[in-house]
Amino acid sequence: MKRNIDKKNRLHPFDATVCEHFQLPSDADDAQNNSYYFSAHGQDGQSMFFRYAERGRAIREVWFSYFVAGKLVYSNKQDLFGKDDCPATVRCVETAKLWTLGYQGEEVDFQATFTAVRPIFDFTYDADANVMAGFLAKEKWTKSFFKGLQSNSQCHQEQHGNLQATLRYQDKTYTLDGIAIRDHSYGPRVWSYMNRHVWILALLDNGNALNASYVSYPYIHELQSGYFDQLGGDCRKVCSLTPMKELAVSGVFPFSVLLNDGTRLDVHCQKSIGIDYAFENGAYRLNEGIAEFTVDGVHGRGIVEFGFNSDSSRY
């Protein structure tokens, strides 16, 4: 399995320009997704997250929430729009370096600029292939297994940076200058195909960042991935995580991370507030939470995201 992964990556090397400027084909159906996500957290207690996702040629999925001192200031109530009436915008100004994003609605105007401070991390090319191969090797290799792998293959990148933003809402103005994450994924995405997933992002006060990602599909019990990115240093890959079933849905839990150099990180997550989303008429539900973290004693803030299939027998 690892040889197959390595061969595929050699034949199709990562191209930042192609990924950054990807566009859905003109005949893309609603199962095809091109999703941009940003989240920023200031040391003054402000936080935001923003998602703009193209679904086929006509549908746009939009999240925008802004928080001050653990309290919600604004969150859009409508999250599905047509292409021509979407209030959110995203634009790549300079490949792998600079992006702008915005949201404009009734009584609300949000504008932000994301500036990268670290290289792009692509989960296909940069994650530990040994780890991926190990999880896949545990499964029963059937025709449906390989069909599931092929039909749900996505491109997924993350990048760390800084975000400067201004929100004007109800005659008040808020400004945010914080550490941030930029996430881009594209390819087929049917939310209800997943059994469940967890995404943890800790942006630390010293500039380091931790990603811990879990997903369960019908054809594979649990995939784990992630990285620990050190500002001014290297990016180490996640080898193993505390199992997903041991993470409390409340968003308050400790967990452990083993990196590819043998380092073990002790992490604690403390969710303060979350926003619920439902997809495909409630077939899949997700909570996007703002959280405080400590990673080996270093404080940080970020995101803890839990998603569940409506059929609880699947997990």
Protein backbone atom coordinates (compact mmCIF):
# COMPACT_ATOMS: atom_id res chain seq x y z
CA MET A 1 0.00 0.00 0.00
CA LYS A 2 2.83 2.40 0.83
CA ARG A 3 4.54 1.67 -2.50
CA ASN A 4 1.31 2.54 -4.30
CA ILE A 5 1.00 5.83 -2.38
CA ASP A 6 4.65 6.77 -3.05
CA LYS A 7 4.36 5.90 -6.75
CA LYS A 8 1.23 7.98 -7.19
CA ASN A 9 2.89 10.97 -5.53
CA ARG A 10 6.00 10.65 -7.74
CA LEU A 11 3.92 10.53 -10.91
CA HIS A 12 1.74 13.47 -9.87
CA PRO A 13 3.89 15.88 -7.79
CA PHE A 14 2.33 18.70 -5.80
CA ASP A 15 1.72 21.89 -7.78
CA ALA A 16 0.78 24.87 -5.60
CA THR A 17 -0.42 26.97 -8.53
CA VAL A 18 -2.82 24.27 -9.73
CA CYS A 19 -4.21 23.74 -6.22
CA GLU A 20 -4.50 27.42 -5.33
CA HIS A 21 -6.41 28.29 -8.49
CA PHE A 22 -8.50 25.12 -8.88
CA GLN A 23 -11.93 25.61 -10.40
CA LEU A 24 -14.76 23.10 -10.62
CA PRO A 25 -15.37 21.88 -14.18
CA SER A 26 -18.36 23.32 -16.02
CA ASP A 27 -20.26 20.01 -15.75
CA ALA A 28 -19.61 19.45 -12.03
CA ASP A 29 -22.58 18.06 -10.11
CA ASP A 30 -23.57 18.93 -6.53
CA ALA A 31 -21.39 16.14 -5.09
CA GLN A 32 -18.31 18.06 -6.26
CA ASN A 33 -16.90 20.45 -3.68
CA ASN A 34 -14.39 23.30 -3.77
CA SER A 35 -14.14 24.56 -0.21
CA TYR A 36 -12.17 27.44 1.37
CA TYR A 37 -11.98 27.77 5.14
CA PHE A 38 -10.28 30.37 7.36
CA SER A 39 -10.11 30.66 11.13
CA ALA A 40 -8.25 33.26 13.21
CA HIS A 41 -7.74 33.75 16.93
CA GLY A 42 -6.39 36.85 18.66
CA GLN A 43 -4.72 36.89 22.07
CA ASP A 44 -7.36 39.46 23.10
CA GLY A 45 -10.02 36.71 23.01
CA GLN A 46 -11.50 37.40 19.59
CA SER A 47 -12.08 34.52 17.16
CA MET A 48 -13.69 33.92 13.80
CA PHE A 49 -14.26 31.17 11.27
CA PHE A 50 -15.33 31.50 7.67
CA ARG A 51 -16.19 28.89 5.05
CA TYR A 52 -17.04 29.42 1.40
CA ALA A 53 -17.71 26.21 -0.56
CA GLU A 54 -18.77 25.80 -4.16
CA ARG A 55 -21.19 22.91 -4.68
CA GLY A 56 -21.38 22.09 -8.34
CA ARG A 57 -21.93 25.16 -10.46
CA ALA A 58 -24.90 26.72 -8.64
CA ILE A 59 -24.83 26.12 -4.86
CA ARG A 60 -22.67 27.91 -2.28
CA GLU A 61 -22.25 26.74 1.33
CA VAL A 62 -21.31 29.62 3.64
CA TRP A 63 -20.37 29.84 7.31
CA PHE A 64 -19.34 33.04 9.02
CA SER A 65 -19.14 33.43 12.80
CA TYR A 66 -17.36 36.04 14.91
CA PHE A 67 -16.73 35.82 18.67
CA VAL A 68 -15.49 38.17 21.39
CA ALA A 69 -14.44 36.86 24.82
CA GLY A 70 -16.17 33.53 24.26
CA LYS A 71 -19.47 35.11 23.23
CA LEU A 72 -21.04 35.09 19.78
CA VAL A 73 -21.23 38.49 18.09
CA TYR A 74 -22.50 37.39 14.68
CA SER A 75 -23.29 34.16 12.82
CA ASN A 76 -25.08 33.92 9.50
CA LYS A 77 -28.44 32.14 9.86
CA GLN A 78 -28.66 31.04 6.22
CA ASP A 79 -25.85 28.77 5.03
CA LEU A 80 -26.96 27.79 1.51
CA PHE A 81 -27.02 30.33 -1.32
CA GLY A 82 -27.23 30.47 -5.07
CA LYS A 83 -24.11 31.43 -6.99
CA ASP A 84 -25.47 34.87 -7.87
CA ASP A 85 -26.76 35.90 -4.42
CA CYS A 86 -23.92 34.64 -2.24
CA PRO A 87 -22.75 37.20 0.38
CA ALA A 88 -19.27 35.65 0.75
CA THR A 89 -16.18 36.14 -1.41
CA VAL A 90 -12.71 34.57 -1.47
CA ARG A 91 -9.79 35.54 -3.71
CA CYS A 92 -6.22 34.34 -4.10
CA VAL A 93 -4.11 37.49 -4.52
CA GLU A 94 -0.70 35.79 -4.54
CA THR A 95 -0.20 32.05 -4.82
CA ALA A 96 0.62 30.41 -1.48
CA LYS A 97 1.06 33.83 0.15
CA LEU A 98 -1.92 36.19 0.20
CA TRP A 99 -5.72 35.78 0.22
CA THR A 100 -8.66 38.13 0.78
CA LEU A 101 -12.10 37.15 2.05
CA GLY A 102 -15.30 38.96 2.86
CA TYR A 103 -18.94 38.68 3.89
CA GLN A 104 -21.55 41.36 3.29
CA GLY A 105 -25.16 41.17 4.42
CA GLU A 106 -27.84 43.22 6.09
CA GLU A 107 -26.14 45.39 8.75
CA VAL A 108 -22.92 43.37 8.49
CA ASP A 109 -19.70 43.96 6.58
CA PHE A 110 -16.64 41.76 7.13
CA GLN A 111 -13.36 42.11 5.25
CA ALA A 112 -10.10 40.28 5.94
CA THR A 113 -6.64 39.54 4.57
CA PHE A 114 -4.73 36.32 5.22
CA THR A 115 -0.93 36.42 4.93
CA ALA A 116 0.96 33.11 5.01
CA VAL A 117 3.86 32.57 7.42
CA ARG A 118 4.48 28.87 6.66
CA PRO A 119 4.54 26.69 3.51
CA ILE A 120 1.43 24.81 2.39
CA PHE A 121 0.91 21.39 3.98
CA ASP A 122 -0.75 19.04 1.49
CA PHE A 123 -2.24 15.95 3.13
CA THR A 124 -1.63 13.77 0.09
CA TYR A 125 2.08 14.57 -0.29
CA ASP A 126 3.20 15.77 3.15
CA ALA A 127 1.38 13.47 5.58
CA ASP A 128 3.23 10.33 6.73
CA ALA A 129 2.63 7.69 4.02
CA ASN A 130 3.54 4.92 6.46
CA VAL A 131 0.69 5.96 8.73
CA MET A 132 -1.84 6.13 5.91
CA ALA A 133 -0.73 2.77 4.52
CA GLY A 134 -0.93 1.24 8.00
CA PHE A 135 -4.56 2.24 8.50
CA LEU A 136 -5.54 1.06 5.02
CA ALA A 137 -3.71 -2.25 5.46
CA LYS A 138 -5.90 -3.07 8.50
CA GLU A 139 -9.04 -3.18 6.35
CA LYS A 140 -10.42 -6.01 4.27
CA TRP A 141 -9.44 -5.33 0.67
CA THR A 142 -12.55 -5.86 -1.42
CA LYS A 143 -13.88 -4.29 -4.60
CA SER A 144 -16.09 -1.98 -2.54
CA PHE A 145 -13.07 -0.97 -0.42
CA PHE A 146 -11.08 0.19 -3.45
CA LYS A 147 -14.17 1.76 -5.02
CA GLY A 148 -14.72 3.74 -1.82
CA LEU A 149 -11.10 4.94 -1.82
CA GLN A 150 -11.31 6.09 -5.41
CA SER A 151 -14.74 7.71 -5.28
CA ASN A 152 -13.96 9.78 -2.15
CA SER A 153 -10.43 10.90 -2.97
CA GLN A 154 -9.97 14.63 -2.29
CA CYS A 155 -7.19 17.18 -2.47
CA HIS A 156 -6.65 18.92 0.86
CA GLN A 157 -4.17 21.61 1.91
CA GLU A 158 -3.63 23.74 5.02
CA GLN A 159 -1.44 26.75 5.62
CA HIS A 160 -0.69 28.86 8.68
CA GLY A 161 -0.50 32.63 8.70
CA ASN A 162 -1.86 35.84 10.16
CA LEU A 163 -5.24 37.37 9.53
CA GLN A 164 -6.20 41.04 9.81
CA ALA A 165 -9.93 41.67 9.75
CA THR A 166 -12.59 44.31 10.31
CA LEU A 167 -16.21 43.56 11.18
CA ARG A 168 -18.87 46.27 11.12
CA TYR A 169 -22.12 45.11 12.68
CA GLN A 170 -25.03 47.03 14.27
CA ASP A 171 -23.13 50.33 14.40
CA LYS A 172 -20.12 48.70 16.08
CA THR A 173 -16.68 48.03 14.61
CA TYR A 174 -14.45 45.13 15.65
CA THR A 175 -10.86 44.60 14.53
CA LEU A 176 -8.99 41.32 14.71
CA ASP A 177 -5.28 40.67 14.27
CA GLY A 178 -4.60 37.03 15.01
CA ILE A 179 -2.83 33.81 14.16
CA ALA A 180 -4.76 31.92 11.54
CA ILE A 181 -5.25 28.79 9.46
CA ARG A 182 -6.24 28.57 5.82
CA ASP A 183 -7.77 25.29 4.60
CA HIS A 184 -8.58 24.35 1.00
CA SER A 185 -10.14 21.09 -0.15
CA TYR A 186 -11.67 19.99 -3.42
CA GLY A 187 -13.07 16.87 -5.01
CA PRO A 188 -16.13 14.72 -4.24
CA ARG A 189 -17.76 15.26 -0.85
CA VAL A 190 -21.01 13.64 0.20
CA TRP A 191 -21.35 14.48 3.88
CA SER A 192 -23.59 11.53 4.69
CA TYR A 193 -21.04 9.07 3.31
CA MET A 194 -18.94 9.66 6.43
CA ASN A 195 -19.72 7.79 9.63
CA ARG A 196 -18.20 10.56 11.72
CA HIS A 197 -15.15 12.82 11.93
CA VAL A 198 -13.16 15.05 14.31
CA TRP A 199 -10.91 17.95 13.39
CA ILE A 200 -8.72 19.65 16.00
CA LEU A 201 -6.68 22.75 15.27
CA ALA A 202 -4.58 24.38 18.01
CA LEU A 203 -2.85 27.66 17.13
CA LEU A 204 -0.36 28.28 19.93
CA ASP A 205 0.77 31.58 21.44
CA ASN A 206 4.40 30.85 20.44
CA GLY A 207 3.45 30.56 16.76
CA ASN A 208 3.42 26.75 16.57
CA ALA A 209 0.37 24.86 15.34
CA LEU A 210 -1.09 21.38 15.82
CA ASN A 211 -3.51 19.59 13.49
CA ALA A 212 -5.18 16.32 14.53
CA SER A 213 -7.65 14.88 12.04
CA TYR A 214 -9.87 11.80 12.24
CA VAL A 215 -12.44 10.34 9.85
CA SER A 216 -14.45 7.13 9.66
CA TYR A 217 -16.00 5.81 6.43
CA PRO A 218 -18.07 2.71 5.65
CA TYR A 219 -15.00 1.12 4.09
CA ILE A 220 -12.47 2.09 6.76
CA HIS A 221 -12.95 2.23 10.50
CA GLU A 222 -10.67 5.15 11.32
CA LEU A 223 -8.09 7.26 9.55
CA GLN A 224 -5.80 9.54 11.55
CA SER A 225 -3.56 12.28 10.21
CA GLY A 226 -2.05 15.62 11.11
CA TYR A 227 1.12 17.57 11.84
CA PHE A 228 2.91 19.80 14.35
CA ASP A 229 4.23 22.89 12.56
CA GLN A 230 6.94 24.89 14.34
CA LEU A 231 7.27 28.56 13.44
CA GLY A 232 10.82 29.06 12.19
CA GLY A 233 11.45 25.31 12.35
CA ASP A 234 10.30 22.09 10.78
CA CYS A 235 6.91 20.47 10.30
CA ARG A 236 6.67 17.07 11.98
CA LYS A 237 4.04 14.54 10.99
CA VAL A 238 1.50 12.79 13.20
CA CYS A 239 2.05 9.03 13.57
CA SER A 240 -0.75 8.23 16.00
CA LEU A 241 -3.43 9.91 18.09
CA THR A 242 -5.65 8.97 21.00
CA PRO A 243 -8.53 7.00 19.36
CA MET A 244 -11.49 9.07 18.20
CA LYS A 245 -13.97 7.18 20.44
CA GLU A 246 -12.08 8.44 23.52
CA LEU A 247 -12.61 12.13 22.69
CA ALA A 248 -15.54 13.55 24.65
CA VAL A 249 -18.25 15.12 22.48
CA SER A 250 -18.45 18.00 24.97
CA GLY A 251 -15.17 19.26 23.51
CA VAL A 252 -13.43 19.02 26.90
CA PHE A 253 -10.82 16.26 26.91
CA PRO A 254 -7.12 15.39 27.08
CA PHE A 255 -5.44 13.51 24.25
CA SER A 256 -2.01 12.39 23.15
CA VAL A 257 -0.11 12.90 19.89
CA LEU A 258 2.87 10.84 18.70
CA LEU A 259 5.04 12.53 16.05
CA ASN A 260 7.29 10.89 13.47
CA ASP A 261 10.48 11.83 15.36
CA GLY A 262 9.27 9.98 18.46
CA THR A 263 8.09 13.09 20.33
CA ARG A 264 4.87 12.68 22.30
CA LEU A 265 2.68 15.74 22.93
CA ASP A 266 0.17 15.98 25.77
CA VAL A 267 -2.78 18.12 24.76
CA HIS A 268 -5.87 19.40 26.54
CA CYS A 269 -8.88 20.82 24.70
CA GLN A 270 -11.51 23.06 26.36
CA LYS A 271 -14.38 24.12 24.07
CA SER A 272 -16.09 27.36 25.06
CA ILE A 273 -18.80 27.77 22.41
CA GLY A 274 -19.95 26.06 19.22
CA ILE A 275 -22.22 26.50 16.21
CA ASP A 276 -24.33 23.62 14.83
CA TYR A 277 -24.71 22.85 11.13
CA ALA A 278 -26.83 20.25 9.31
CA PHE A 279 -26.16 18.85 5.83
CA GLU A 280 -28.28 16.92 3.36
CA ASN A 281 -31.53 17.52 5.26
CA GLY A 282 -30.00 16.46 8.55
CA ALA A 283 -28.30 13.30 7.29
CA TYR A 284 -25.01 14.60 8.70
CA ARG A 285 -24.58 17.04 11.60
CA LEU A 286 -21.57 19.04 12.64
CA ASN A 287 -20.58 21.31 15.53
CA GLU A 288 -17.87 23.92 14.94
CA GLY A 289 -16.39 24.86 18.30
CA ILE A 290 -14.05 27.57 19.54
CA ALA A 291 -11.59 26.13 22.06
CA GLU A 292 -8.67 26.85 24.35
CA PHE A 293 -5.72 24.43 24.22
CA THR A 294 -2.57 23.59 26.07
CA VAL A 295 0.07 21.61 24.16
CA ASP A 296 2.91 20.48 26.43
CA GLY A 297 2.17 23.45 28.66
CA VAL A 298 1.95 26.06 25.87
CA HIS A 299 -1.38 27.89 25.61
CA GLY A 300 -3.25 28.27 22.36
CA ARG A 301 -6.66 28.82 20.82
CA GLY A 302 -8.37 27.27 17.86
CA ILE A 303 -11.06 24.94 16.57
CA VAL A 304 -12.57 21.61 17.65
CA GLU A 305 -15.02 20.18 15.11
CA PHE A 306 -17.20 17.10 15.63
CA GLY A 307 -19.33 15.58 12.86
CA PHE A 308 -21.79 12.67 13.05
CA ASN A 309 -23.96 10.69 10.66
CA SER A 310 -27.65 10.79 11.64
CA ASP A 311 -27.58 6.97 11.65
CA SER A 312 -25.85 6.43 15.00
CA SER A 313 -25.50 2.70 14.32
CA ARG A 314 -22.68 3.59 11.93
CA TYR A 315 -20.44 4.68 14.80
